Amino acid sequence: MSILGTIMSKVFGHDTPAASPVATDASTTPAAAPASAPAPMSQADVEAILGEMAKQYNHPVNWQSSIVDLMAMLGLDNSLPQRRALAAELGYTGDTSDTATMNIWLHQQVMQKLEENGGVASPDLMA
């Protein structure tokens, strides 16, 4: 699964195949889950979901503006190589050595992708 797909699965609660069965006919076997992002779902309040996750995290995180904190809170590797891989996955064309600029761009893109796939986020999260 892609890094973005993993992020969306964690946010929208599709960590396990059982949480989102593909087949609807009992006479067929479930198809394998796609390797990409989950299918769009009904509107989900991204801010509320992530806010609840932050309350359960072991220390305060700034997930609202930090891709590093967001990834850590979701239990993902937030190392520079992983963030560079996410940047490549999302089509970042800037200098990946300028990590501050890349990280801001990554956070904006992840929030946008969450919204495009059924999430609702406040304009503050999209900036």
C-alpha atoms as a PDB file:
ATOM      1  CA  MET A   1       0.000   0.000   0.000  1.00  0.00           C
ATOM      2  CA  SER A   2       1.193   3.501  -0.747  1.00  0.00           C
ATOM      3  CA  ILE A   3       2.136   5.854   2.070  1.00  0.00           C
ATOM      4  CA  LEU A   4      -0.846   8.057   1.257  1.00  0.00           C
ATOM      5  CA  GLY A   5      -3.096   4.995   1.146  1.00  0.00           C
ATOM      6  CA  THR A   6      -1.848   3.988   4.582  1.00  0.00           C
ATOM      7  CA  ILE A   7      -2.518   7.495   5.924  1.00  0.00           C
ATOM      8  CA  MET A   8      -6.064   7.438   4.560  1.00  0.00           C
ATOM      9  CA  SER A   9      -6.667   3.961   5.929  1.00  0.00           C
ATOM     10  CA  LYS A  10      -5.556   5.055   9.379  1.00  0.00           C
ATOM     11  CA  VAL A  11      -7.676   8.225   9.312  1.00  0.00           C
ATOM     12  CA  PHE A  12     -10.800   6.688   7.830  1.00  0.00           C
ATOM     13  CA  GLY A  13     -10.533   3.489   9.885  1.00  0.00           C
ATOM     14  CA  HIS A  14      -9.839   0.951   7.176  1.00  0.00           C
ATOM     15  CA  ASP A  15      -6.776  -0.647   8.782  1.00  0.00           C
ATOM     16  CA  THR A  16      -8.070  -4.168   8.387  1.00  0.00           C
ATOM     17  CA  PRO A  17      -9.659  -5.816   5.357  1.00  0.00           C
ATOM     18  CA  ALA A  18     -12.597  -6.856   7.542  1.00  0.00           C
ATOM     19  CA  ALA A  19     -13.440  -3.208   8.151  1.00  0.00           C
ATOM     20  CA  SER A  20     -14.266  -2.649   4.499  1.00  0.00           C
ATOM     21  CA  PRO A  21     -15.417  -5.794   2.708  1.00  0.00           C
ATOM     22  CA  VAL A  22     -15.338  -5.551  -1.058  1.00  0.00           C
ATOM     23  CA  ALA A  23     -17.848  -8.229  -2.031  1.00  0.00           C
ATOM     24  CA  THR A  24     -21.539  -7.744  -1.405  1.00  0.00           C
ATOM     25  CA  ASP A  25     -22.781 -11.081  -2.737  1.00  0.00           C
ATOM     26  CA  ALA A  26     -22.435 -13.903  -0.203  1.00  0.00           C
ATOM     27  CA  SER A  27     -21.857 -16.386  -3.027  1.00  0.00           C
ATOM     28  CA  THR A  28     -18.606 -14.722  -4.079  1.00  0.00           C
ATOM     29  CA  THR A  29     -15.343 -14.530  -2.237  1.00  0.00           C
ATOM     30  CA  PRO A  30     -14.124 -11.079  -1.236  1.00  0.00           C
ATOM     31  CA  ALA A  31     -11.730  -9.506  -3.675  1.00  0.00           C
ATOM     32  CA  ALA A  32      -8.338  -8.354  -2.463  1.00  0.00           C
ATOM     33  CA  ALA A  33      -8.220  -4.768  -1.309  1.00  0.00           C
ATOM     34  CA  PRO A  34      -6.585  -2.421  -3.820  1.00  0.00           C
ATOM     35  CA  ALA A  35      -3.044  -1.285  -3.142  1.00  0.00           C
ATOM     36  CA  SER A  36      -4.039   2.349  -3.565  1.00  0.00           C
ATOM     37  CA  ALA A  37      -6.082   4.655  -1.356  1.00  0.00           C
ATOM     38  CA  PRO A  38      -9.465   3.501  -0.070  1.00  0.00           C
ATOM     39  CA  ALA A  39     -12.521   4.293  -2.149  1.00  0.00           C
ATOM     40  CA  PRO A  40     -14.203   7.604  -1.332  1.00  0.00           C
ATOM     41  CA  MET A  41     -16.624   7.299   1.544  1.00  0.00           C
ATOM     42  CA  SER A  42     -19.385   9.373   3.005  1.00  0.00           C
ATOM     43  CA  GLN A  43     -18.206  12.661   4.461  1.00  0.00           C
ATOM     44  CA  ALA A  44     -15.977  12.244   7.504  1.00  0.00           C
ATOM     45  CA  ASP A  45     -14.899  15.052   9.817  1.00  0.00           C
ATOM     46  CA  VAL A  46     -11.112  14.820   9.453  1.00  0.00           C
ATOM     47  CA  GLU A  47     -10.493  17.362  12.200  1.00  0.00           C
ATOM     48  CA  ALA A  48     -12.649  15.475  14.707  1.00  0.00           C
ATOM     49  CA  ILE A  49     -11.133  12.105  13.813  1.00  0.00           C
ATOM     50  CA  LEU A  50      -7.557  13.366  14.087  1.00  0.00           C
ATOM     51  CA  GLY A  51      -8.382  15.350  17.216  1.00  0.00           C
ATOM     52  CA  GLU A  52      -9.587  12.179  18.927  1.00  0.00           C
ATOM     53  CA  MET A  53      -6.457  10.327  17.805  1.00  0.00           C
ATOM     54  CA  ALA A  54      -4.300  13.140  19.222  1.00  0.00           C
ATOM     55  CA  LYS A  55      -6.030  12.822  22.607  1.00  0.00           C
ATOM     56  CA  GLN A  56      -5.020   9.149  22.691  1.00  0.00           C
ATOM     57  CA  TYR A  57      -1.408   9.814  21.651  1.00  0.00           C
ATOM     58  CA  ASN A  58       1.303   9.623  24.316  1.00  0.00           C
ATOM     59  CA  HIS A  59       2.375  13.286  24.081  1.00  0.00           C
ATOM     60  CA  PRO A  60       1.099  16.521  22.532  1.00  0.00           C
ATOM     61  CA  VAL A  61       1.376  16.695  18.756  1.00  0.00           C
ATOM     62  CA  ASN A  62       0.869  19.483  16.256  1.00  0.00           C
ATOM     63  CA  TRP A  63      -0.868  17.343  13.627  1.00  0.00           C
ATOM     64  CA  GLN A  64      -2.782  20.408  12.353  1.00  0.00           C
ATOM     65  CA  SER A  65       0.309  21.792  10.617  1.00  0.00           C
ATOM     66  CA  SER A  66       3.118  19.241  10.966  1.00  0.00           C
ATOM     67  CA  ILE A  67       3.402  16.271   8.625  1.00  0.00           C
ATOM     68  CA  VAL A  68       6.045  14.847  10.983  1.00  0.00           C
ATOM     69  CA  ASP A  69       3.633  14.900  13.939  1.00  0.00           C
ATOM     70  CA  LEU A  70       0.718  13.695  11.816  1.00  0.00           C
ATOM     71  CA  MET A  71       2.649  10.673  10.587  1.00  0.00           C
ATOM     72  CA  ALA A  72       3.958   9.895  14.082  1.00  0.00           C
ATOM     73  CA  MET A  73       0.466  10.117  15.570  1.00  0.00           C
ATOM     74  CA  LEU A  74      -0.797   7.687  12.927  1.00  0.00           C
ATOM     75  CA  GLY A  75       1.959   5.236  13.856  1.00  0.00           C
ATOM     76  CA  LEU A  76       3.872   5.723  10.611  1.00  0.00           C
ATOM     77  CA  ASP A  77       7.586   6.129  10.039  1.00  0.00           C
ATOM     78  CA  ASN A  78       8.059   9.905   9.804  1.00  0.00           C
ATOM     79  CA  SER A  79      11.743   9.798   8.931  1.00  0.00           C
ATOM     80  CA  LEU A  80      13.142  12.039   6.214  1.00  0.00           C
ATOM     81  CA  PRO A  81      13.466   9.140   3.732  1.00  0.00           C
ATOM     82  CA  GLN A  82       9.776   8.279   4.267  1.00  0.00           C
ATOM     83  CA  ARG A  83       8.723  11.896   3.838  1.00  0.00           C
ATOM     84  CA  ARG A  84      10.788  12.107   0.675  1.00  0.00           C
ATOM     85  CA  ALA A  85       9.080   8.934  -0.556  1.00  0.00           C
ATOM     86  CA  LEU A  86       5.680  10.488   0.207  1.00  0.00           C
ATOM     87  CA  ALA A  87       6.751  13.632  -1.632  1.00  0.00           C
ATOM     88  CA  ALA A  88       7.703  11.558  -4.678  1.00  0.00           C
ATOM     89  CA  GLU A  89       4.398   9.677  -4.456  1.00  0.00           C
ATOM     90  CA  LEU A  90       2.465  12.954  -4.435  1.00  0.00           C
ATOM     91  CA  GLY A  91       4.488  14.528  -7.249  1.00  0.00           C
ATOM     92  CA  TYR A  92       6.569  17.060  -5.330  1.00  0.00           C
ATOM     93  CA  THR A  93       8.860  18.908  -7.726  1.00  0.00           C
ATOM     94  CA  GLY A  94      10.683  21.120  -5.227  1.00  0.00           C
ATOM     95  CA  ASP A  95      14.020  20.589  -3.528  1.00  0.00           C
ATOM     96  CA  THR A  96      13.691  17.711  -1.054  1.00  0.00           C
ATOM     97  CA  SER A  97      16.721  19.079   0.799  1.00  0.00           C
ATOM     98  CA  ASP A  98      14.591  22.091   1.757  1.00  0.00           C
ATOM     99  CA  THR A  99      12.707  20.016   4.300  1.00  0.00           C
ATOM    100  CA  ALA A 100      10.715  22.884   5.797  1.00  0.00           C
ATOM    101  CA  THR A 101       9.163  23.784   2.451  1.00  0.00           C
ATOM    102  CA  MET A 102       8.647  20.120   1.552  1.00  0.00           C
ATOM    103  CA  ASN A 103       7.007  19.362   4.904  1.00  0.00           C
ATOM    104  CA  ILE A 104       4.554  22.255   4.573  1.00  0.00           C
ATOM    105  CA  TRP A 105       3.679  21.124   1.054  1.00  0.00           C
ATOM    106  CA  LEU A 106       3.261  17.515   2.196  1.00  0.00           C
ATOM    107  CA  HIS A 107       0.874  18.471   4.981  1.00  0.00           C
ATOM    108  CA  GLN A 108      -1.240  20.559   2.607  1.00  0.00           C
ATOM    109  CA  GLN A 109      -1.330  17.769   0.033  1.00  0.00           C
ATOM    110  CA  VAL A 110      -2.281  15.106   2.586  1.00  0.00           C
ATOM    111  CA  MET A 111      -5.111  17.270   3.920  1.00  0.00           C
ATOM    112  CA  GLN A 112      -6.284  17.923   0.361  1.00  0.00           C
ATOM    113  CA  LYS A 113      -6.192  14.202  -0.488  1.00  0.00           C
ATOM    114  CA  LEU A 114      -8.147  13.372   2.672  1.00  0.00           C
ATOM    115  CA  GLU A 115     -10.786  15.896   1.604  1.00  0.00           C
ATOM    116  CA  GLU A 116     -10.863  14.567  -1.967  1.00  0.00           C
ATOM    117  CA  ASN A 117     -11.533  11.083  -0.592  1.00  0.00           C
ATOM    118  CA  GLY A 118     -14.501  11.837   1.600  1.00  0.00           C
ATOM    119  CA  GLY A 119     -13.062  13.898   4.425  1.00  0.00           C
ATOM    120  CA  VAL A 120     -14.219  17.312   5.484  1.00  0.00           C
ATOM    121  CA  ALA A 121     -11.548  19.621   6.833  1.00  0.00           C
ATOM    122  CA  SER A 122     -11.681  23.198   8.019  1.00  0.00           C
ATOM    123  CA  PRO A 123     -10.039  25.793   5.775  1.00  0.00           C
ATOM    124  CA  ASP A 124      -7.362  26.240   8.466  1.00  0.00           C
ATOM    125  CA  LEU A 125      -6.159  22.677   7.868  1.00  0.00           C
ATOM    126  CA  MET A 126      -6.080  23.202   4.124  1.00  0.00           C
ATOM    127  CA  ALA A 127      -3.785  26.263   4.290  1.00  0.00           C
END
